[in-house]
Every structure is written in structure tokens, then in C-alpha cells.
Amino acid sequence: MANLKIKKETNFGHELLLDLRGRKRRAQLEDRLRELIREGTLPAGSRLPSSRVLAGDLQVSRRMVVDAYDQLTAEGYLFCRPGAGTYVARIEGVGEDPPAETRQRSPRFDFFPGAPDLASFPRTLWLRVTREIFAQAPASAFAYPDAQGTLELRTALAEYLRRVRGVVADPGSIVICSGATQGLALIGRALQGQGIREIALEDPCLPPHRLVLSYAGLRVQGAPVDEQGVTIHGVSAPVLLCTPAHQCPTGVVLSPKRRAALVQWAAAGGLVIEDDYDAEFRYDRSPLRALQGLMPDRVIYLGSASKTLAPGLRLGWLVLPRSLLGPVLEAKFLDDLGSPTIDQLVLARLIQTAAYDRHLRKARRRNRARRDALIEAVTRSLPRASVSGISAGLHLLVGLPESIDAQQLIGRSRQHSIGIYPLSLHMMEPTERTDALVLGYAGLTESAIKQGIDGLADVLQGMGMRVR
């Protein structure tokens, strides 16, 4: 019965914005439909409303609409499918895709760092739980959302983060945001409201973080990173954004000595933003507990589902000190009134039922195999290169035997349908030349990783670098 109802409703076709005034309304209707088809507003294959429905919408006779449809059909603008309706015909030069050479295509072998395997998103599970939520959710679930996030997701996250990451959290200290990017923007505005004007970021770091915080009005300074992680020596800003569990992009872990120094700095009045962006993916051992668990009043914890599930979900979370909860919540409310409710309820259900944990276990096995494949491919095809970074995350750092022009390397690799990402792009002051690449592996199959690195070796050799 439901299928019949849907079929009946779709017989009405798309609504059209048509304004007919005065006399000669049929001519006006024909001219306006031709215009909509030529400009692509009505693309080829789209269905028009039935003559009866359109006549009712325009408050004209059905005969006038039938005659207009007949005229445009005779001219080749429309065609009829008996018993199925009237459709827009394909007109040469109208609504066609641009030539292939003008379209920007994604590279076949894209080593974009930080992206999960999108093909492994648990669609069936997500769909099933979404259906359950729609069947069970009260009508209030479709009202304007709680700007702080649904209580269900905040409760599930508080338990999960305490259990898995050692975070000191309760539902009242969590704010749900549209990904880590919005989370940083909210923090930036909240800090501005408290008179803070400067923030330190790891150097190198994730480029969008610099842009987001600068756009929020904060002056950004660099905090150097070496094999022990970030150092606060020489940092004058009162706030530091860092990635202690797996530094982005070098892949090092904050050493115990540096960790202790950072805690001491925070205890003396500093504020730390801990970006725990991929801590779920440690392959050789359990990850270090979150820094926030040591100093919950001086550390903002930032996480998201972008690396564990998919960035397209735009689901992130902040665990905030009480002093910042109000300002961040105000910024969130003024930004978008709150994140979409249904997806929050779905994620909460996945966490509560341990389906999220099961998904992560599968992802770890898959990602570790692909990381091993990337190391093997680099060792075989680029034996003079080096691989660094702990066995974790979704990317690793490949050191080249010599520096090379970064933009030229990007361009030539792109010509071979290979996406590569120089370390120099992650630096606070990007350089023209680079001696290392940040290569992601989670989104490529093991065979694609091998082919991509083989192609990269050919590109480097073609640019004069001795890689073997």
C-alpha cells in the first residue's frame, strides 16, 4: 500500500514558478517553459506536472496546458511517455556536461592524509538504525535541536570517552558540533570573547586549522615539533592547539618529558586544546590516555567521527572546562542553532550497542594492512626514502632522499592521476621545496597503494631524483 501511495504522489511532478498575467497566457506559458529548458532549470529527463495539476496551480483551463504541452512536444522540447507523463527532451548544447578535459577529476591514486575508507562506511547498519530512530523518536525530535546536542549522544559519548580515552566528561560538559572544524571556530570565538587574541599551533600542523583560527580573529604562532613532539619553549600565546597522541602530520607521540612540561605549563595558567583526531587507530599497542584526563579544567578535548566513520556526517564534539561551556554554547547557538538531531541519535545508538566498537575493530585491521602495504611499496619502489611515525592513524611520513620543488611535484603527479601532499604545505611558513610527503593510505586498496607508489617513483625519477 505504501508503494502505491508514493507512486500516486509522484504523478504530480515538480512544482514550477510560472507567472502568467494578462492576455495570451498560452503563449506566455510556452515561452516560459522554453526558457526554463534552454537555461537548464528544467534539465533533460525531468518530469513536468500533469496538465491537470499545472492547470490547477496556474488557475487556467486544462485545455490551455494540454495545447501548450502539445506545441512544445512538436518542437522537440518535450516528449510523452504514455501512461507515465510528460518529460523534458534532451536539447543539443543545453544542460550537457563540460568537456572531459575541463572537468577536475579526482586522482585515481589519492594519498590524501586523514581520510578514512569511505567505501567501508557501514551503510546497512546506519540505515537500519536510522529506520529504528524514525520509528521510535517522539515528534519533539524534529523540533529545533538543543544547541548543546542531544542528551542521548552526549550521554553515550561521556561514557565512551571515559572508557576508551580516559577523558573526564559528563553529558553537561559536552557540546556537539558540525565536525572538528566548527569546533575550532566556536572555541576561537569564545576565546575572543574572553579577551584572548593569540594562539599557538604545532609547526607543522593541519593547514585548515590555521585558516579557521585566523578567520576567528586570533593571531597564530608556531610551536616547533621534533621527534619528541611539540615543545612549549618560547611559546608566548596563552593557548596551544596540539595533537599529543599522534602528531599531525609527523606521526610522533608527545614524549613523557614534553607531556609533563605541557601539564606544568597548563597548571601555570595556559590552556590546551587537545585534538584527539585519530587516537582510535593505534595498531601496535593501546594509545596513551588523553591529556585532558590529567587537567580537565585546563584542557579542551576535541574529537569527531570524521576519521572513524565519515567526514560527510559532520559530527564532532567538545569536552569543555566549565569556564568555557557558556561562551562556546552561545557561539554554537548563534552559528546554527544546533546540529541535526537524527544523525546524533543514530550515532548514540551505535555507541550504546557497541556497534561503533565493532566497526572500529574492523577498521583497525583494514587500516593496519594498508599501512603495511604502503611501507612495503615505499621500501620496494623508493628504497632511498625513509618512513617515520608510529604505527597509528591514517597517514605516515615519507622522507625523500633530497628536496624537490613541491608544486612541480604535485602537478606532475596529478598528470599521472596520483594525489600527493608535501610536508611543506603543513608548515606555518610553507616553503617552495619539500623533502618529505604526508601520505594517507586508508582510502586506497593494497593493490592501488602499490600502483600509486610505483607511479610516484616514476614521477620522481622523471624530475631527476635518484630514488633507487
Protein backbone atom coordinates (compact mmCIF):
# COMPACT_ATOMS: atom_id res chain seq x y z
CA MET A 1 0.00 0.00 0.00
CA ALA A 2 2.87 2.40 0.81
CA ASN A 3 4.40 1.91 -2.65
CA LEU A 4 1.08 2.75 -4.33
CA LYS A 5 0.81 5.92 -2.31
CA ILE A 6 4.31 7.07 -3.23
CA LYS A 7 3.67 6.32 -6.90
CA LYS A 8 0.46 8.33 -6.85
CA GLU A 9 2.15 11.31 -5.20
CA THR A 10 4.99 11.39 -7.74
CA ASN A 11 2.48 11.74 -10.60
CA PHE A 12 2.22 15.44 -9.75
CA GLY A 13 5.77 16.13 -10.98
CA HIS A 14 7.94 19.07 -9.88
CA GLU A 15 6.41 22.39 -8.95
CA LEU A 16 7.20 25.26 -11.33
CA LEU A 17 7.46 29.01 -10.70
CA LEU A 18 5.37 30.45 -13.54
CA ASP A 19 3.74 33.85 -13.53
CA LEU A 20 1.10 34.34 -16.24
CA ARG A 21 -0.56 37.74 -16.49
CA GLY A 22 -2.89 39.49 -18.86
CA ARG A 23 -3.86 38.02 -22.20
CA LYS A 24 -2.19 35.39 -24.41
CA ARG A 25 -1.48 33.18 -21.43
CA ARG A 26 -0.84 30.11 -23.55
CA ALA A 27 1.94 31.93 -25.42
CA GLN A 28 3.38 33.08 -22.10
CA LEU A 29 3.33 29.52 -20.79
CA GLU A 30 5.08 28.15 -23.88
CA ASP A 31 7.72 30.90 -23.84
CA ARG A 32 8.44 30.44 -20.15
CA LEU A 33 8.78 26.64 -20.46
CA ARG A 34 11.15 27.05 -23.42
CA GLU A 35 13.23 29.49 -21.37
CA LEU A 36 13.42 27.15 -18.38
CA ILE A 37 14.52 24.27 -20.61
CA ARG A 38 17.13 26.31 -22.52
CA GLU A 39 18.74 27.71 -19.37
CA GLY A 40 18.87 24.25 -17.78
CA THR A 41 16.49 24.99 -14.91
CA LEU A 42 14.41 22.11 -16.28
CA PRO A 43 17.10 19.55 -17.18
CA ALA A 44 16.65 16.78 -19.71
CA GLY A 45 14.61 13.91 -18.33
CA SER A 46 12.85 15.92 -15.64
CA ARG A 47 9.14 15.35 -15.34
CA LEU A 48 6.62 18.12 -15.76
CA PRO A 49 3.44 18.37 -13.70
CA SER A 50 0.41 16.73 -15.26
CA SER A 51 -1.78 19.04 -17.32
CA ARG A 52 -4.49 18.82 -14.69
CA VAL A 53 -2.14 19.72 -11.81
CA LEU A 54 -0.41 22.58 -13.66
CA ALA A 55 -3.76 24.00 -14.76
CA GLY A 56 -4.90 23.97 -11.14
CA ASP A 57 -1.68 25.64 -9.96
CA LEU A 58 -1.95 28.38 -12.60
CA GLN A 59 -5.73 28.65 -12.34
CA VAL A 60 -6.16 28.26 -16.10
CA SER A 61 -8.05 25.76 -18.22
CA ARG A 62 -6.61 22.30 -18.61
CA ARG A 63 -7.10 22.59 -22.41
CA MET A 64 -4.68 25.52 -22.50
CA VAL A 65 -1.96 23.49 -20.74
CA VAL A 66 -2.57 20.45 -22.98
CA ASP A 67 -2.25 22.63 -26.09
CA ALA A 68 0.98 24.21 -24.75
CA TYR A 69 2.46 20.78 -24.00
CA ASP A 70 1.46 19.57 -27.49
CA GLN A 71 3.16 22.56 -29.12
CA LEU A 72 6.42 22.10 -27.19
CA THR A 73 6.35 18.37 -27.91
CA ALA A 74 6.03 19.13 -31.63
CA GLU A 75 9.02 21.49 -31.37
CA GLY A 76 11.12 18.79 -29.66
CA TYR A 77 11.31 20.40 -26.21
CA LEU A 78 9.11 17.76 -24.57
CA PHE A 79 8.21 14.13 -25.09
CA CYS A 80 5.43 11.94 -23.71
CA ARG A 81 5.54 8.51 -22.17
CA PRO A 82 2.06 7.04 -22.47
CA GLY A 83 0.66 6.47 -19.01
CA ALA A 84 3.80 7.91 -17.38
CA GLY A 85 3.68 11.66 -18.05
CA THR A 86 5.41 14.46 -19.94
CA TYR A 87 9.19 14.91 -19.77
CA VAL A 88 11.85 17.38 -20.91
CA ALA A 89 13.69 16.22 -24.02
CA ARG A 90 17.44 16.42 -24.48
CA ILE A 91 18.34 19.51 -26.49
CA GLU A 92 21.77 19.64 -28.10
CA GLY A 93 24.05 22.07 -26.29
CA VAL A 94 21.66 22.51 -23.34
CA GLY A 95 22.48 21.02 -19.93
CA GLU A 96 25.39 18.96 -21.28
CA ASP A 97 28.41 18.16 -19.14
CA PRO A 98 31.53 20.20 -19.90
CA PRO A 99 34.25 18.53 -21.96
CA ALA A 100 36.24 15.94 -20.05
CA GLU A 101 39.44 17.98 -20.28
CA THR A 102 37.79 20.90 -18.43
CA ARG A 103 36.47 18.82 -15.53
CA GLN A 104 38.55 18.42 -12.39
CA ARG A 105 38.76 14.72 -11.71
CA SER A 106 39.91 13.11 -8.50
CA PRO A 107 43.21 11.31 -8.95
CA ARG A 108 42.98 7.55 -9.30
CA PHE A 109 45.60 7.08 -6.61
CA ASP A 110 44.84 9.73 -3.99
CA PHE A 111 47.11 9.55 -0.94
CA PHE A 112 45.08 12.23 0.86
CA PRO A 113 46.06 12.07 4.56
CA GLY A 114 43.40 11.78 7.21
CA ALA A 115 40.56 10.35 5.12
CA PRO A 116 39.01 7.02 6.17
CA ASP A 117 37.94 4.29 3.78
CA LEU A 118 34.66 5.83 2.63
CA ALA A 119 33.71 2.64 0.78
CA SER A 120 33.60 0.84 4.13
CA PHE A 121 31.10 3.18 5.73
CA PRO A 122 28.55 0.90 7.46
CA ARG A 123 25.63 1.86 5.21
CA THR A 124 23.40 -1.08 6.03
CA LEU A 125 23.88 -0.61 9.77
CA TRP A 126 23.42 3.16 9.59
CA LEU A 127 20.25 2.74 7.50
CA ARG A 128 18.79 0.13 9.84
CA VAL A 129 19.39 2.25 12.93
CA THR A 130 18.07 5.35 11.16
CA ARG A 131 14.84 3.49 10.43
CA GLU A 132 14.61 2.45 14.07
CA ILE A 133 15.10 6.04 15.18
CA PHE A 134 12.42 7.32 12.81
CA ALA A 135 10.02 4.65 14.06
CA GLN A 136 10.68 5.31 17.74
CA ALA A 137 11.56 9.01 18.04
CA PRO A 138 8.90 11.31 19.51
CA ALA A 139 7.60 14.23 17.48
CA SER A 140 9.80 16.55 19.56
CA ALA A 141 12.89 15.03 17.87
CA PHE A 142 12.01 17.06 14.76
CA ALA A 143 11.81 20.39 16.56
CA TYR A 144 14.68 22.88 16.64
CA PRO A 145 17.60 20.98 18.18
CA ASP A 146 19.26 21.53 21.52
CA ALA A 147 22.27 23.72 20.68
CA GLN A 148 24.40 21.66 23.06
CA GLY A 149 23.47 18.42 21.27
CA THR A 150 21.04 15.64 22.07
CA LEU A 151 21.24 14.28 25.60
CA GLU A 152 21.39 10.76 24.14
CA LEU A 153 24.61 11.41 22.20
CA ARG A 154 26.23 13.44 24.96
CA THR A 155 25.49 10.67 27.45
CA ALA A 156 26.84 7.96 25.11
CA LEU A 157 29.97 9.98 24.35
CA ALA A 158 30.68 10.72 28.01
CA GLU A 159 30.68 7.01 28.80
CA TYR A 160 32.65 6.10 25.68
CA LEU A 161 35.34 8.75 26.17
CA ARG A 162 35.79 7.84 29.82
CA ARG A 163 36.11 4.15 28.93
CA VAL A 164 38.30 4.39 25.83
CA ARG A 165 40.30 7.60 26.20
CA GLY A 166 40.34 8.33 29.94
CA VAL A 167 38.57 11.65 29.41
CA VAL A 168 36.91 13.29 32.39
CA ALA A 169 33.48 14.00 30.93
CA ASP A 170 29.81 14.15 31.77
CA PRO A 171 26.91 14.98 29.44
CA GLY A 172 26.79 18.53 30.74
CA SER A 173 30.40 19.29 29.72
CA ILE A 174 29.99 18.15 26.09
CA VAL A 175 28.91 20.28 23.11
CA ILE A 176 28.12 18.57 19.81
CA CYS A 177 29.37 20.44 16.76
CA SER A 178 29.48 20.03 13.00
CA GLY A 179 32.89 18.41 12.83
CA ALA A 180 36.18 19.45 14.41
CA THR A 181 36.38 22.45 12.08
CA GLN A 182 33.30 24.06 13.55
CA GLY A 183 34.51 23.08 17.00
CA LEU A 184 37.69 25.10 16.49
CA ALA A 185 35.73 28.04 15.12
CA LEU A 186 33.48 28.02 18.19
CA ILE A 187 36.49 27.87 20.50
CA GLY A 188 38.11 30.73 18.61
CA ARG A 189 35.10 32.99 19.05
CA ALA A 190 34.70 32.00 22.70
CA LEU A 191 38.36 32.85 23.38
CA GLN A 192 37.96 36.18 21.62
CA GLY A 193 35.05 36.95 23.91
CA GLN A 194 37.28 36.37 26.91
CA GLY A 195 39.91 38.77 25.64
CA ILE A 196 42.35 36.17 24.25
CA ARG A 197 43.91 37.30 20.98
CA GLU A 198 46.67 34.78 20.26
CA ILE A 199 47.00 31.02 19.94
CA ALA A 200 49.93 28.68 19.27
CA LEU A 201 49.74 25.77 16.83
CA GLU A 202 52.15 22.95 16.26
CA ASP A 203 54.54 23.61 13.38
CA PRO A 204 53.92 21.70 11.13
CA CYS A 205 50.18 21.25 11.63
CA LEU A 206 46.96 20.74 9.71
CA PRO A 207 46.63 23.74 7.30
CA PRO A 208 42.85 24.26 7.74
CA HIS A 209 43.35 24.75 11.47
CA ARG A 210 45.50 27.81 10.82
CA LEU A 211 42.89 29.25 8.48
CA VAL A 212 39.93 28.59 10.80
CA LEU A 213 41.55 30.14 13.86
CA SER A 214 42.87 33.12 11.89
CA TYR A 215 39.39 33.65 10.45
CA ALA A 216 38.05 33.60 14.01
CA GLY A 217 40.28 36.62 14.67
CA LEU A 218 43.16 35.00 16.55
CA ARG A 219 46.81 35.65 15.80
CA VAL A 220 48.51 32.33 15.14
CA GLN A 221 52.08 31.49 16.11
CA GLY A 222 54.06 28.29 15.66
CA ALA A 223 55.28 25.86 18.32
CA PRO A 224 58.14 23.72 16.96
CA VAL A 225 57.74 19.95 16.62
CA ASP A 226 60.59 17.42 16.68
CA GLU A 227 60.92 13.68 17.32
CA GLN A 228 59.57 14.18 20.89
CA GLY A 229 56.52 16.14 19.77
CA VAL A 230 55.64 19.77 20.36
CA THR A 231 57.70 21.99 22.61
CA ILE A 232 56.26 24.91 24.55
CA HIS A 233 59.68 26.53 24.92
CA GLY A 234 59.36 30.05 23.58
CA VAL A 235 55.56 29.92 23.25
CA SER A 236 54.10 33.27 24.31
CA ALA A 237 50.46 32.62 23.43
CA PRO A 238 48.16 31.66 26.32
CA VAL A 239 46.55 28.82 24.32
CA LEU A 240 48.10 25.84 22.49
CA LEU A 241 46.41 23.53 19.99
CA CYS A 242 48.19 20.19 19.83
CA THR A 243 47.84 16.51 18.86
CA PRO A 244 49.62 14.61 21.69
CA ALA A 245 48.55 11.04 20.83
CA HIS A 246 49.67 11.16 17.18
CA GLN A 247 51.12 14.42 15.96
CA CYS A 248 49.65 15.64 12.70
CA PRO A 249 51.43 15.33 10.32
CA THR A 250 54.79 13.98 11.57
CA GLY A 251 53.25 10.97 13.35
CA VAL A 252 55.29 11.25 16.56
CA VAL A 253 53.89 10.83 20.08
CA LEU A 254 54.38 13.50 22.72
CA SER A 255 57.19 12.18 24.92
CA PRO A 256 56.69 11.78 28.69
CA LYS A 257 59.06 14.66 29.36
CA ARG A 258 57.25 17.01 26.99
CA ARG A 259 53.90 15.78 28.30
CA ALA A 260 54.91 16.68 31.87
CA ALA A 261 56.15 20.10 30.72
CA LEU A 262 52.85 20.76 28.95
CA VAL A 263 50.85 19.82 32.05
CA GLN A 264 53.03 22.14 34.14
CA TRP A 265 52.52 24.95 31.61
CA ALA A 266 48.74 24.46 31.73
CA ALA A 267 48.74 24.38 35.54
CA ALA A 268 50.50 27.75 35.49
CA GLY A 269 47.63 29.30 33.52
CA GLY A 270 47.96 28.03 29.97
CA LEU A 271 45.04 26.49 28.07
CA VAL A 272 45.46 23.40 25.90
CA ILE A 273 43.20 22.32 23.04
CA GLU A 274 43.77 18.58 22.61
CA ASP A 275 42.85 17.46 19.08
CA ASP A 276 42.41 13.70 19.51
CA TYR A 277 41.67 13.30 15.82
CA ASP A 278 42.66 9.66 15.20
CA ALA A 279 43.54 8.14 18.57
CA GLU A 280 41.18 5.20 17.89
CA PHE A 281 43.70 3.90 15.34
CA ARG A 282 46.79 2.65 17.17
CA TYR A 283 47.99 -0.66 15.71
CA ASP A 284 50.94 -1.77 17.84
CA ARG A 285 49.60 -1.07 21.33
CA SER A 286 46.92 0.86 23.20
CA PRO A 287 47.16 4.63 22.70
CA LEU A 288 48.20 6.93 25.51
CA ARG A 289 45.32 8.20 27.60
CA ALA A 290 44.04 11.62 26.68
CA LEU A 291 45.88 14.56 28.18
CA GLN A 292 42.53 16.01 29.23
CA GLY A 293 42.20 13.33 31.90
CA LEU A 294 45.10 14.91 33.78
CA MET A 295 43.91 18.53 33.62
CA PRO A 296 40.18 18.70 32.79
CA ASP A 297 39.97 22.33 33.91
CA ARG A 298 42.82 23.44 31.64
CA VAL A 299 42.33 21.19 28.57
CA ILE A 300 39.65 21.36 25.88
CA TYR A 301 39.13 17.95 24.30
CA LEU A 302 38.22 17.88 20.60
CA GLY A 303 37.06 14.77 18.72
CA SER A 304 34.92 13.78 15.75
CA ALA A 305 33.51 10.92 13.69
CA SER A 306 35.28 12.15 10.56
CA LYS A 307 38.14 9.63 10.78
CA THR A 308 36.18 6.76 12.34
CA LEU A 309 33.06 6.88 10.15
CA ALA A 310 32.99 9.61 7.50
CA PRO A 311 33.70 13.36 7.33
CA GLY A 312 30.43 13.85 5.45
CA LEU A 313 28.48 13.19 8.66
CA ARG A 314 29.81 16.45 10.13
CA LEU A 315 29.65 15.16 13.68
CA GLY A 316 32.17 16.36 16.24
CA TRP A 317 32.31 17.05 19.96
CA LEU A 318 33.98 19.27 22.51
CA VAL A 319 34.57 18.40 26.17
CA LEU A 320 34.91 21.77 27.82
CA PRO A 321 36.07 23.23 31.12
CA ARG A 322 33.15 24.82 32.96
CA SER A 323 34.58 28.30 32.36
CA LEU A 324 34.23 27.92 28.58
CA LEU A 325 30.99 25.96 28.36
CA GLY A 326 28.73 29.02 28.32
CA PRO A 327 30.72 31.05 25.74
CA VAL A 328 31.10 28.07 23.38
CA LEU A 329 27.44 27.16 23.72
CA GLU A 330 26.44 30.74 22.91
CA ALA A 331 28.67 30.68 19.82
CA LYS A 332 27.13 27.39 18.72
CA PHE A 333 23.59 28.67 19.17
CA LEU A 334 24.30 31.83 17.18
CA ASP A 335 26.13 29.85 14.49
CA ASP A 336 23.44 27.32 13.52
CA LEU A 337 21.05 26.75 16.47
CA GLY A 338 22.37 23.19 16.80
CA SER A 339 23.50 20.17 14.78
CA PRO A 340 20.99 17.83 13.05
CA THR A 341 19.19 15.64 15.57
CA ILE A 342 18.60 12.36 13.73
CA ASP A 343 22.26 11.64 12.94
CA GLN A 344 23.13 12.35 16.56
CA LEU A 345 20.56 9.82 17.71
CA VAL A 346 21.89 7.23 15.26
CA LEU A 347 25.48 7.66 16.44
CA ALA A 348 24.34 7.48 20.06
CA ARG A 349 22.60 4.17 19.38
CA LEU A 350 25.71 2.76 17.65
CA ILE A 351 27.87 3.68 20.63
CA GLN A 352 25.39 2.37 23.19
CA THR A 353 25.02 -1.01 21.44
CA ALA A 354 28.80 -1.47 20.88
CA ALA A 355 28.23 -1.43 17.10
CA TYR A 356 30.62 1.54 16.94
CA ASP A 357 33.32 -0.50 18.72
CA ARG A 358 32.83 -3.41 16.32
CA HIS A 359 33.15 -1.05 13.36
CA LEU A 360 36.40 0.33 14.78
CA ARG A 361 37.89 -3.14 15.23
CA LYS A 362 37.26 -3.92 11.56
CA ALA A 363 38.66 -0.55 10.51
CA ARG A 364 41.85 -1.09 12.55
CA ARG A 365 42.55 -4.43 10.86
CA ARG A 366 41.95 -2.94 7.42
CA ASN A 367 43.98 0.22 8.05
CA ARG A 368 46.92 -1.68 9.52
CA ALA A 369 47.08 -3.93 6.44
CA ARG A 370 47.08 -0.88 4.19
CA ARG A 371 49.73 0.86 6.25
CA ASP A 372 51.91 -2.22 5.94
CA ALA A 373 51.27 -2.25 2.19
CA LEU A 374 52.36 1.39 1.90
CA ILE A 375 55.57 0.77 3.85
CA GLU A 376 56.31 -2.27 1.69
CA ALA A 377 55.65 -0.32 -1.52
CA VAL A 378 57.91 2.56 -0.44
CA THR A 379 60.67 0.14 0.58
CA ARG A 380 60.49 -1.60 -2.78
CA SER A 381 59.95 1.32 -5.19
CA LEU A 382 61.63 4.14 -3.22
CA PRO A 383 64.43 2.35 -1.32
CA ARG A 384 66.33 5.61 -0.72
CA ALA A 385 63.30 7.14 1.00
CA SER A 386 62.54 6.76 4.71
CA VAL A 387 59.30 6.13 6.61
CA SER A 388 58.66 7.69 10.03
CA GLY A 389 55.84 7.92 12.53
CA ILE A 390 54.33 5.45 14.97
CA SER A 391 52.08 2.60 13.86
CA ALA A 392 48.88 4.58 14.11
CA GLY A 393 46.41 6.81 12.33
CA LEU A 394 45.58 7.08 8.66
CA HIS A 395 48.81 8.51 7.25
CA LEU A 396 52.57 8.24 7.51
CA LEU A 397 55.50 10.50 6.69
CA VAL A 398 57.83 9.56 3.82
CA GLY A 399 61.20 11.33 3.78
CA LEU A 400 62.69 11.86 0.30
CA PRO A 401 66.42 11.41 -0.40
CA GLU A 402 66.63 15.08 -1.43
CA SER A 403 64.44 18.15 -1.59
CA ILE A 404 62.31 18.88 -4.64
CA ASP A 405 60.03 21.62 -5.94
CA ALA A 406 56.73 20.96 -4.15
CA GLN A 407 54.28 22.49 -6.64
CA GLN A 408 56.02 20.92 -9.60
CA LEU A 409 55.85 17.53 -7.89
CA ILE A 410 52.14 17.99 -7.17
CA GLY A 411 51.45 18.95 -10.79
CA ARG A 412 53.44 16.14 -12.37
CA SER A 413 51.95 13.58 -10.03
CA ARG A 414 48.49 14.85 -10.88
CA GLN A 415 49.22 14.27 -14.57
CA HIS A 416 49.75 10.61 -13.65
CA SER A 417 46.49 10.63 -11.62
CA ILE A 418 48.39 10.50 -8.31
CA GLY A 419 47.47 12.78 -5.43
CA ILE A 420 50.42 13.55 -3.14
CA TYR A 421 50.76 16.02 -0.27
CA PRO A 422 54.16 17.59 0.57
CA LEU A 423 55.09 18.20 4.19
CA SER A 424 55.91 21.81 3.28
CA LEU A 425 52.19 22.54 2.88
CA HIS A 426 51.71 21.82 6.60
CA MET A 427 54.34 24.31 7.76
CA MET A 428 53.41 27.67 9.25
CA GLU A 429 55.51 29.28 6.53
CA PRO A 430 55.32 26.88 3.56
CA THR A 431 58.50 26.54 1.54
CA GLU A 432 58.85 26.12 -2.22
CA ARG A 433 60.79 22.89 -1.83
CA THR A 434 59.97 19.83 0.23
CA ASP A 435 61.93 16.79 1.42
CA ALA A 436 59.02 14.77 2.79
CA LEU A 437 55.50 13.67 1.84
CA VAL A 438 52.46 13.12 4.06
CA LEU A 439 50.74 10.09 2.53
CA GLY A 440 47.39 8.69 3.58
CA TYR A 441 46.53 5.06 2.95
CA ALA A 442 43.13 4.26 4.43
CA GLY A 443 41.18 5.17 1.30
CA LEU A 444 43.23 3.01 -1.09
CA THR A 445 43.26 -0.73 -1.55
CA GLU A 446 46.55 -2.53 -1.12
CA SER A 447 46.93 -3.07 -4.87
CA ALA A 448 46.15 0.61 -5.54
CA ILE A 449 48.78 1.64 -2.98
CA LYS A 450 51.39 -0.42 -4.83
CA GLN A 451 50.46 1.03 -8.22
CA GLY A 452 50.37 4.57 -6.86
CA ILE A 453 53.83 4.36 -5.27
CA ASP A 454 55.24 2.77 -8.43
CA GLY A 455 53.86 5.73 -10.36
CA LEU A 456 55.24 8.20 -7.83
CA ALA A 457 58.69 6.66 -8.21
CA ASP A 458 58.48 7.20 -11.97
CA VAL A 459 57.46 10.83 -11.44
CA LEU A 460 60.35 11.49 -9.06
CA GLN A 461 62.81 9.86 -11.43
CA GLY A 462 61.40 11.92 -14.28
CA MET A 463 62.14 15.05 -12.21
CA GLY A 464 65.78 13.98 -11.84
CA MET A 465 65.68 12.45 -8.36
CA ARG A 466 67.59 9.22 -7.85
CA VAL A 467 65.12 7.14 -5.86
CA ARG A 468 66.60 3.66 -6.35
